[in-house]
Structures are given as C-alpha cells and as structure tokens.
Amino acid sequence: MLTSLTPANQQFVRDIDRLSEQMRTAQQQISTGKRIHTIADDPDQISTLLQARADLEGSRVTSANLGRVQSEVDAGEQAIQSGVKLFERVRTLGAAGTSDTSSAETRAALAQEVAAIYEELVGLTNTTVEGRFIFSGDQDQVSPYQLDLTKTPPLSAYGGSAATRQVQHPNGTTFPVSRTAQEIFDSTDPSTNVFKAVDALRIALQANDRTGIRTAVQNLDKPDIFLNRQLSFYGTTQQKIADAKEFGSRYQLQLQTQIGAIEDADTTYAILTLSQAKVNQQAAFEAHAQIPHGSLFDFLR
C-alpha cells in the first residue's frame, strides 16, 4: 500500500485512475454501442429501461399470437367463402328443379348433386389449421360434424363447444376471432339454418315433390343472407388483425426508439472522449516525469 504518498502524488494517482475509468467506459461504449451495462451506469434510468424492455417483449409475443391467429381466420374466411359459392350452386339446382320441364329422373340427378354439395359443406366445417379444428370452438381436437346420408337424420350432433377464445390487441384490448360450425351452418333458428335448408331441398328433389321443391327454394333466401353475414364477420376480423399488427409494429418501433435513447451510446462522443483521455493521460505522465525525484512515490517507481 502507498500510504506515504505526498498530496501531489495522491492527486496524480486519482487523476490517472479517473482517466483510466474514462478510457475503459469509452472503449466499452464503442465496442458494444451501449452506454448502460450495469445499474451503476445510470441508476435513474434503469426502471424506465426495464419497463420499456418488458413492454417490447410483451408486444412481440402479442404480434406473434396475432400471426398464428391470422392463419386460422384466413382459413375460416376461405372455407366460408367456399360455402357461399356452394350455396349459390344449391339455389341454381333448386331453381332447375322447379322447372315444368324437369322430369323425375332429372330431379333425382339434381338431388344427387345437392347431396354432394351437402357433403362438401359438412366437409368445410372440418377445416383444420396446425391440427386444430377451427370451427369446433374451444374443443378444437374434435370434429364438429359428420354426415351419413343413409341415416335419419343424416347429420350428427355438433361435436365441439362454444368459441370463447379471444386474441389480445397490442393496445391491451381483446376481440373474438372465430365462430363455431354450429353458429355458421347449423343455426338454432330453423329459418337461417344452412344445413336444414340444403337437406330439405335434397329430400324434396329426391321425392319429385314439386310443391316441396318450391317451398325449399323459397326457404333458401334467409340462410343465404345469414351465411354471408358469417363471411362478413371473418372479413371484419381479418381487418382487425391487420390493424392490430400494424399498431403493434408502430408501438414496437416507438419502444425501440425509447430504449435506444436511454441505453445507446453516442459513439462519436465516446471516440472523442477516449482520444481526449489518452491525450490527458499522456500529458499527465509527462508532467509528472518533470517533478524532482526524491519522494517515496519516486522510490516505489
């Protein structure tokens, strides 16, 4: 220990330590691009910095969830879009069945095509994304419907559950992202039930029941409107997800800017500081070398 240094030598040692610390800090900032590495570097900003980092990570997780949900919503929208087109085909077949020129054989053929569309519609309800039945609600490992036209009734009971899942918006709010096959195709209101409307037309065509066919065709209007409303829900949800992702991107940029303002080093200033500290250190050594010898400090050198 240098316990017998003169006051001048003690000041010299303190000055050299201070310059060495400046050089170390500047070199670290230049090499890492950061000015904060420990709490001691800026205690007043640590709390704000940690909160901003936590918010950024949370926003990134939310955006990743939105990306996964988007694939499900897109698949749902495409499935219902296909359903709308299939239902329009059913309307066309029904209109053909009401024609006075249609024979029993013609209507039987039309009934077979309607039956095939019925099967396609039920098949759409079994749409999966990453192994999940997207129209089965929260019970997404179970197929929502099965169809067997040799049975009465041909359609199984709904096998899923209610859809209660919601996705979080980066602003902290939540919104629903799906509906069940039961809500979309098998409404509890018979007048808007897509499956019942299609099956009623199939049965009437198969029986060559002209009155039944006309009634079935007339009853296609409300299910058609209802199905298009379900499509509109998915289209709106797609837009909500797109807006949420854009909001999240802006928010993350804002947080990154905030974090950078707190912890990023001013590299130009750090380089100048390092250069000046080196100059000052060299000048200090040169000045100290001019001091007359004879002190204990000189002896210890």
Protein backbone atom coordinates (compact mmCIF):
# COMPACT_ATOMS: atom_id res chain seq x y z
CA MET A 1 0.00 0.00 0.00
CA LEU A 2 1.23 3.50 -0.84
CA THR A 3 0.35 5.10 2.46
CA SER A 4 3.15 7.70 2.45
CA LEU A 5 2.47 9.45 -0.84
CA THR A 6 2.66 13.18 -0.91
CA PRO A 7 -0.61 15.07 -1.56
CA ALA A 8 0.60 15.87 -5.07
CA ASN A 9 1.32 12.23 -5.81
CA GLN A 10 -2.01 11.18 -4.34
CA GLN A 11 -3.77 13.64 -6.66
CA PHE A 12 -1.74 12.29 -9.57
CA VAL A 13 -2.86 8.72 -8.80
CA ARG A 14 -6.51 9.84 -8.55
CA ASP A 15 -6.25 11.68 -11.85
CA ILE A 16 -4.74 8.65 -13.58
CA ASP A 17 -7.48 6.40 -12.14
CA ARG A 18 -10.14 8.82 -13.34
CA LEU A 19 -8.68 8.96 -16.85
CA SER A 20 -8.33 5.17 -16.94
CA GLU A 21 -12.01 4.80 -15.99
CA GLN A 22 -12.99 7.28 -18.71
CA MET A 23 -10.99 5.29 -21.24
CA ARG A 24 -12.49 1.97 -20.08
CA THR A 25 -16.04 3.35 -20.27
CA ALA A 26 -15.45 4.93 -23.68
CA GLN A 27 -13.90 1.74 -25.08
CA GLN A 28 -16.82 -0.33 -23.78
CA GLN A 29 -19.34 2.04 -25.35
CA ILE A 30 -17.51 1.98 -28.68
CA SER A 31 -17.27 -1.83 -28.76
CA THR A 32 -20.86 -2.53 -27.64
CA GLY A 33 -22.71 0.54 -28.88
CA LYS A 34 -24.37 0.78 -25.44
CA ARG A 35 -23.81 3.26 -22.66
CA ILE A 36 -25.68 1.32 -19.95
CA HIS A 37 -24.35 -2.07 -18.89
CA THR A 38 -24.97 -2.06 -15.15
CA ILE A 39 -27.30 -0.23 -12.78
CA ALA A 40 -24.41 1.98 -11.75
CA ASP A 41 -24.09 3.37 -15.28
CA ASP A 42 -27.36 5.34 -14.92
CA PRO A 43 -29.45 4.41 -11.85
CA ASP A 44 -32.18 6.96 -12.59
CA GLN A 45 -33.00 5.39 -15.99
CA ILE A 46 -32.88 1.70 -15.07
CA SER A 47 -36.54 1.44 -14.03
CA THR A 48 -37.74 3.12 -17.23
CA LEU A 49 -35.41 0.98 -19.33
CA LEU A 50 -36.55 -2.30 -17.77
CA GLN A 51 -40.23 -1.38 -18.20
CA ALA A 52 -39.70 -0.47 -21.85
CA ARG A 53 -37.90 -3.76 -22.48
CA ALA A 54 -40.74 -5.69 -20.81
CA ASP A 55 -43.34 -3.82 -22.87
CA LEU A 56 -41.38 -4.55 -26.04
CA GLU A 57 -41.17 -8.27 -25.29
CA GLY A 58 -44.88 -8.37 -24.46
CA SER A 59 -45.75 -6.61 -27.70
CA ARG A 60 -43.62 -9.06 -29.69
CA VAL A 61 -45.43 -12.02 -28.09
CA THR A 62 -48.79 -10.41 -28.88
CA SER A 63 -47.76 -9.86 -32.51
CA ALA A 64 -46.64 -13.49 -32.79
CA ASN A 65 -50.02 -14.62 -31.45
CA LEU A 66 -51.77 -12.40 -33.97
CA GLY A 67 -49.77 -14.04 -36.74
CA ARG A 68 -50.87 -17.51 -35.65
CA VAL A 69 -54.49 -16.43 -35.29
CA GLN A 70 -54.39 -14.77 -38.69
CA SER A 71 -53.73 -18.11 -40.40
CA GLU A 72 -56.80 -19.57 -38.70
CA VAL A 73 -59.01 -16.61 -39.56
CA ASP A 74 -57.81 -16.67 -43.18
CA ALA A 75 -58.60 -20.38 -43.40
CA GLY A 76 -62.02 -19.75 -41.86
CA GLU A 77 -62.78 -16.95 -44.30
CA GLN A 78 -61.75 -19.11 -47.26
CA ALA A 79 -63.90 -22.00 -46.03
CA ILE A 80 -66.99 -19.85 -45.64
CA GLN A 81 -66.30 -18.19 -48.99
CA SER A 82 -66.39 -21.66 -50.50
CA GLY A 83 -69.59 -22.35 -48.56
CA VAL A 84 -71.24 -19.25 -50.00
CA LYS A 85 -70.37 -20.38 -53.54
CA LEU A 86 -71.65 -23.88 -52.86
CA PHE A 87 -74.90 -22.48 -51.50
CA GLU A 88 -75.34 -20.39 -54.64
CA ARG A 89 -75.00 -23.59 -56.62
CA VAL A 90 -77.72 -25.14 -54.45
CA ARG A 91 -80.02 -22.22 -55.35
CA THR A 92 -79.33 -22.80 -59.03
CA LEU A 93 -80.09 -26.51 -58.70
CA GLY A 94 -83.27 -25.73 -56.79
CA ALA A 95 -84.44 -23.35 -59.48
CA ALA A 96 -83.81 -26.03 -62.09
CA GLY A 97 -85.89 -28.45 -60.04
CA THR A 98 -88.92 -26.15 -60.10
CA SER A 99 -88.98 -26.08 -63.89
CA ASP A 100 -92.06 -27.62 -65.53
CA THR A 101 -89.76 -29.39 -67.94
CA SER A 102 -87.88 -31.26 -65.19
CA SER A 103 -88.70 -34.95 -65.00
CA ALA A 104 -88.47 -37.25 -62.01
CA GLU A 105 -85.18 -38.56 -63.36
CA THR A 106 -83.84 -35.01 -63.76
CA ARG A 107 -84.83 -34.12 -60.20
CA ALA A 108 -83.23 -37.30 -58.89
CA ALA A 109 -79.99 -36.28 -60.58
CA LEU A 110 -80.33 -32.79 -59.10
CA ALA A 111 -80.91 -34.36 -55.68
CA GLN A 112 -77.65 -36.29 -56.01
CA GLU A 113 -75.75 -33.10 -56.81
CA VAL A 114 -77.36 -31.29 -53.87
CA ALA A 115 -76.39 -34.24 -51.67
CA ALA A 116 -72.79 -33.95 -52.87
CA ILE A 117 -72.81 -30.23 -52.01
CA TYR A 118 -74.25 -31.05 -48.60
CA GLU A 119 -71.28 -33.34 -48.03
CA GLU A 120 -68.88 -30.60 -49.17
CA LEU A 121 -70.46 -28.10 -46.79
CA VAL A 122 -70.06 -30.51 -43.88
CA GLY A 123 -66.51 -31.14 -45.02
CA LEU A 124 -65.80 -27.39 -44.78
CA THR A 125 -66.76 -27.46 -41.11
CA ASN A 126 -63.90 -29.90 -40.54
CA THR A 127 -61.28 -27.41 -41.73
CA THR A 128 -58.07 -27.69 -39.70
CA VAL A 129 -55.06 -25.44 -39.15
CA GLU A 130 -52.00 -26.89 -37.41
CA GLY A 131 -54.03 -29.87 -36.27
CA ARG A 132 -56.88 -27.79 -34.81
CA PHE A 133 -60.50 -27.90 -35.99
CA ILE A 134 -61.05 -24.16 -36.35
CA PHE A 135 -64.86 -24.43 -36.31
CA SER A 136 -65.08 -26.63 -33.19
CA GLY A 137 -64.83 -23.76 -30.72
CA ASP A 138 -62.67 -24.29 -27.67
CA GLN A 139 -62.82 -28.08 -28.09
CA ASP A 140 -60.66 -27.92 -31.19
CA GLN A 141 -59.43 -31.52 -31.21
CA VAL A 142 -62.90 -32.82 -32.07
CA SER A 143 -64.51 -32.82 -35.49
CA PRO A 144 -67.64 -30.63 -35.35
CA TYR A 145 -69.87 -32.69 -37.68
CA GLN A 146 -70.15 -35.99 -39.50
CA LEU A 147 -72.61 -36.69 -42.31
CA ASP A 148 -74.14 -40.04 -43.30
CA LEU A 149 -76.92 -39.68 -45.86
CA THR A 150 -78.10 -43.25 -45.21
CA LYS A 151 -79.18 -42.24 -41.70
CA THR A 152 -82.11 -40.20 -40.43
CA PRO A 153 -81.20 -37.54 -39.59
CA PRO A 154 -78.06 -37.69 -41.73
CA LEU A 155 -76.19 -35.02 -39.78
CA SER A 156 -74.55 -35.80 -36.44
CA ALA A 157 -74.97 -33.58 -33.41
CA TYR A 158 -72.44 -30.78 -33.05
CA GLY A 159 -69.29 -32.27 -31.52
CA GLY A 160 -67.46 -29.13 -30.50
CA SER A 161 -68.07 -26.48 -27.86
CA ALA A 162 -68.65 -22.74 -27.68
CA ALA A 163 -65.97 -20.45 -29.11
CA THR A 164 -64.82 -18.19 -26.29
CA ARG A 165 -61.20 -17.63 -27.33
CA GLN A 166 -60.18 -14.03 -27.90
CA VAL A 167 -56.93 -12.54 -29.09
CA GLN A 168 -55.20 -9.61 -27.45
CA HIS A 169 -54.68 -6.37 -29.33
CA PRO A 170 -51.31 -4.65 -28.68
CA ASN A 171 -53.24 -1.78 -27.09
CA GLY A 172 -54.43 -4.16 -24.35
CA THR A 173 -57.98 -4.80 -25.57
CA THR A 174 -59.24 -8.17 -26.83
CA PHE A 175 -61.60 -9.28 -29.59
CA PRO A 176 -63.16 -12.61 -30.71
CA VAL A 177 -61.60 -14.36 -33.69
CA SER A 178 -63.80 -17.32 -34.53
CA ARG A 179 -67.29 -18.79 -34.66
CA THR A 180 -68.35 -22.39 -34.47
CA ALA A 181 -69.68 -24.55 -37.28
CA GLN A 182 -72.92 -24.70 -35.32
CA GLU A 183 -73.21 -20.90 -35.34
CA ILE A 184 -72.35 -20.66 -39.03
CA PHE A 185 -74.09 -23.61 -40.71
CA ASP A 186 -76.44 -25.10 -38.12
CA SER A 187 -78.26 -22.11 -36.66
CA THR A 188 -80.72 -22.69 -33.84
CA ASP A 189 -83.15 -20.61 -35.88
CA PRO A 190 -84.58 -23.05 -38.48
CA SER A 191 -85.21 -20.21 -40.92
CA THR A 192 -81.45 -19.44 -41.16
CA ASN A 193 -80.11 -22.99 -40.81
CA VAL A 194 -77.93 -23.70 -43.86
CA PHE A 195 -77.76 -27.47 -43.38
CA LYS A 196 -81.52 -27.86 -42.90
CA ALA A 197 -82.25 -25.73 -45.97
CA VAL A 198 -79.97 -27.80 -48.19
CA ASP A 199 -81.26 -31.10 -46.83
CA ALA A 200 -84.88 -30.03 -47.28
CA LEU A 201 -84.23 -29.32 -50.95
CA ARG A 202 -82.40 -32.64 -51.37
CA ILE A 203 -85.32 -34.57 -49.90
CA ALA A 204 -87.90 -32.71 -51.99
CA LEU A 205 -85.95 -33.27 -55.21
CA GLN A 206 -85.43 -36.92 -54.39
CA ALA A 207 -89.19 -37.34 -53.80
CA ASN A 208 -90.04 -35.43 -57.00
CA ASP A 209 -92.23 -33.22 -54.81
CA ARG A 210 -92.78 -30.07 -56.90
CA THR A 211 -94.56 -28.22 -54.10
CA GLY A 212 -91.89 -29.23 -51.63
CA ILE A 213 -89.18 -28.13 -54.05
CA ARG A 214 -90.74 -24.67 -54.46
CA THR A 215 -91.05 -24.29 -50.70
CA ALA A 216 -87.47 -25.43 -50.20
CA VAL A 217 -86.22 -22.96 -52.83
CA GLN A 218 -88.13 -20.11 -51.19
CA ASN A 219 -86.60 -21.07 -47.85
CA LEU A 220 -83.06 -20.67 -49.21
CA ASP A 221 -83.12 -16.87 -49.05
CA LYS A 222 -82.63 -16.37 -45.30
CA PRO A 223 -79.88 -18.99 -44.91
CA ASP A 224 -78.09 -17.39 -47.87
CA ILE A 225 -78.17 -13.96 -46.21
CA PHE A 226 -77.18 -15.49 -42.88
CA LEU A 227 -74.19 -17.32 -44.37
CA ASN A 228 -72.95 -14.13 -46.00
CA ARG A 229 -73.14 -12.41 -42.62
CA GLN A 230 -70.83 -15.08 -41.21
CA LEU A 231 -68.45 -14.38 -44.07
CA SER A 232 -68.62 -10.69 -43.20
CA PHE A 233 -67.63 -11.49 -39.60
CA TYR A 234 -64.45 -13.19 -40.78
CA GLY A 235 -63.68 -10.39 -43.21
CA THR A 236 -64.04 -7.86 -40.40
CA THR A 237 -61.85 -9.98 -38.14
CA GLN A 238 -59.16 -10.16 -40.82
CA GLN A 239 -59.13 -6.36 -40.92
CA LYS A 240 -58.97 -6.14 -37.13
CA ILE A 241 -55.94 -8.43 -37.10
CA ALA A 242 -54.24 -6.44 -39.86
CA ASP A 243 -54.86 -3.19 -37.97
CA ALA A 244 -53.63 -4.76 -34.71
CA LYS A 245 -50.42 -5.99 -36.35
CA GLU A 246 -49.78 -2.55 -37.83
CA PHE A 247 -50.44 -0.94 -34.45
CA GLY A 248 -48.05 -3.44 -32.85
CA SER A 249 -45.31 -2.65 -35.36
CA ARG A 250 -45.61 1.07 -34.67
CA TYR A 251 -45.66 0.50 -30.92
CA GLN A 252 -42.58 -1.72 -31.06
CA LEU A 253 -40.74 0.91 -33.11
CA GLN A 254 -41.71 3.50 -30.51
CA LEU A 255 -40.40 1.32 -27.69
CA GLN A 256 -37.19 0.51 -29.56
CA THR A 257 -36.64 4.23 -30.08
CA GLN A 258 -37.24 4.87 -26.39
CA ILE A 259 -34.86 2.09 -25.37
CA GLY A 260 -32.23 3.32 -27.80
CA ALA A 261 -32.47 6.86 -26.46
CA ILE A 262 -31.81 5.53 -22.96
CA GLU A 263 -29.12 2.92 -23.48
CA ASP A 264 -27.46 3.55 -26.84
CA ALA A 265 -24.06 5.19 -26.71
CA ASP A 266 -23.10 8.31 -28.60
CA THR A 267 -20.27 6.59 -30.46
CA THR A 268 -18.81 9.83 -31.83
CA TYR A 269 -18.73 11.35 -28.37
CA ALA A 270 -17.22 8.15 -26.94
CA ILE A 271 -14.44 8.19 -29.53
CA LEU A 272 -13.66 11.83 -28.76
CA THR A 273 -13.72 11.08 -25.03
CA LEU A 274 -11.33 8.14 -25.47
CA SER A 275 -8.98 10.20 -27.60
CA GLN A 276 -9.00 13.13 -25.18
CA ALA A 277 -8.49 10.83 -22.18
CA LYS A 278 -5.46 9.28 -23.86
CA VAL A 279 -4.03 12.73 -24.57
CA ASN A 280 -4.68 13.84 -21.00
CA GLN A 281 -3.16 10.66 -19.61
CA GLN A 282 -0.02 11.07 -21.69
CA ALA A 283 0.25 14.70 -20.67
CA ALA A 284 -0.15 13.74 -17.01
CA PHE A 285 2.63 11.19 -17.22
CA GLU A 286 4.92 13.66 -18.99
CA ALA A 287 4.17 16.39 -16.46
CA HIS A 288 4.73 14.03 -13.55
CA ALA A 289 8.05 12.95 -15.02
CA GLN A 290 9.29 16.54 -14.69
CA ILE A 291 8.77 16.56 -10.91
CA PRO A 292 12.11 16.35 -8.98
CA HIS A 293 12.90 12.90 -7.63
CA GLY A 294 13.37 12.06 -4.01
CA SER A 295 9.86 11.32 -2.86
CA LEU A 296 8.69 7.94 -1.58
CA PHE A 297 6.49 7.70 -4.67
CA ASP A 298 9.54 8.04 -6.93
CA PHE A 299 11.35 5.41 -4.89
CA LEU A 300 8.50 2.97 -5.30
CA ARG A 301 8.52 3.50 -9.07
